[in-house]
Amino acid sequence: MISKEAIKRLLLENQLFVSRPDELNDDSLIMMDSLCLIWFLDMLEHRNHIHLQLEDGDYERFDSIHAIYRLIQEKGVMIKRHTNTM
């Protein structure tokens, strides 16, 4: 699936959080606005080929790397990459 370190890299990419990598650990409280969450879910799908089928209450669970990791473990669905063969 995906590692906690890979989740951390995605969160720190494009400066979603004003934080140094060494300041963000697995249990650090994070807050994502809706735009950040959409970007994160899009990158999760495009880079890691993981689609999350979320319900309303799941959006509140994006509050730490550990919580995101657990959510992916519970609800993540690996999607197949499309390859062009000619």
Protein backbone atom coordinates (compact mmCIF):
# COMPACT_ATOMS: atom_id res chain seq x y z
CA MET A 1 0.00 0.00 0.00
CA ILE A 2 1.76 3.16 1.23
CA SER A 3 4.16 3.91 4.06
CA LYS A 4 3.82 6.59 6.73
CA GLU A 5 6.95 8.22 5.30
CA ALA A 6 5.31 8.45 1.85
CA ILE A 7 2.23 10.07 3.44
CA LYS A 8 4.51 12.56 5.18
CA ARG A 9 6.24 13.42 1.90
CA LEU A 10 2.88 14.06 0.23
CA LEU A 11 1.79 16.30 3.10
CA LEU A 12 4.99 18.32 2.96
CA GLU A 13 4.99 18.62 -0.81
CA ASN A 14 3.92 21.96 -2.24
CA GLN A 15 4.15 23.35 1.28
CA LEU A 16 0.70 22.23 2.37
CA PHE A 17 2.00 22.76 5.90
CA VAL A 18 4.38 25.40 7.16
CA SER A 19 6.56 22.92 8.94
CA ARG A 20 9.99 21.41 8.62
CA PRO A 21 10.04 17.68 7.89
CA ASP A 22 11.66 16.96 11.26
CA GLU A 23 8.80 18.76 13.05
CA LEU A 24 6.09 16.55 11.56
CA ASN A 25 5.88 13.13 13.20
CA ASP A 26 3.28 10.37 12.94
CA ASP A 27 1.09 11.79 15.71
CA SER A 28 1.49 15.53 15.02
CA LEU A 29 -1.90 17.20 14.76
CA ILE A 30 -2.54 18.41 11.23
CA MET A 31 -5.44 20.35 9.81
CA MET A 32 -6.31 20.27 6.13
CA ASP A 33 -8.74 22.61 4.49
CA SER A 34 -10.91 21.23 1.70
CA LEU A 35 -8.50 22.28 -1.07
CA CYS A 36 -5.55 20.55 0.64
CA LEU A 37 -7.62 17.43 1.17
CA ILE A 38 -8.68 17.31 -2.48
CA TRP A 39 -5.06 17.76 -3.59
CA PHE A 40 -3.88 15.04 -1.18
CA LEU A 41 -6.53 12.55 -2.35
CA ASP A 42 -5.72 13.31 -5.99
CA MET A 43 -1.98 12.74 -5.44
CA LEU A 44 -2.70 9.57 -3.46
CA GLU A 45 -4.61 8.21 -6.43
CA HIS A 46 -2.32 9.40 -9.23
CA ARG A 47 1.05 8.63 -7.63
CA ASN A 48 0.27 5.70 -5.39
CA HIS A 49 -2.72 4.24 -7.25
CA ILE A 50 -4.82 4.23 -4.10
CA HIS A 51 -8.47 5.29 -4.16
CA LEU A 52 -10.27 5.96 -0.90
CA GLN A 53 -14.00 5.34 -0.75
CA LEU A 54 -14.84 7.83 1.99
CA GLU A 55 -17.98 8.43 3.99
CA ASP A 56 -18.90 11.73 5.66
CA GLY A 57 -17.27 10.93 9.01
CA ASP A 58 -14.01 9.84 7.39
CA TYR A 59 -12.97 13.39 6.46
CA GLU A 60 -12.43 14.23 10.13
CA ARG A 61 -9.87 11.42 10.37
CA PHE A 62 -7.27 13.31 8.32
CA ASP A 63 -5.72 14.75 11.48
CA SER A 64 -2.35 12.96 11.69
CA ILE A 65 -0.07 10.81 9.58
CA HIS A 66 -0.95 7.80 11.73
CA ALA A 67 -4.70 8.41 11.35
CA ILE A 68 -4.38 8.82 7.57
CA TYR A 69 -2.31 5.64 7.39
CA ARG A 70 -4.97 3.70 9.33
CA LEU A 71 -7.74 5.12 7.14
CA ILE A 72 -5.88 4.02 4.00
CA GLN A 73 -5.37 0.55 5.49
CA GLU A 74 -9.12 0.31 6.22
CA LYS A 75 -10.62 1.90 3.12
CA GLY A 76 -7.91 2.05 0.48
CA VAL A 77 -8.48 0.32 -2.82
CA MET A 78 -5.56 -0.25 -5.17
CA ILE A 79 -6.41 0.77 -8.70
CA LYS A 80 -4.79 -0.66 -11.77
CA ARG A 81 -2.51 1.50 -13.86
CA HIS A 82 -3.51 1.83 -17.46
CA THR A 83 -0.75 0.99 -19.87
CA ASN A 84 -0.83 1.51 -23.59
CA THR A 85 0.28 -1.51 -25.55
CA MET A 86 0.52 -1.05 -29.27
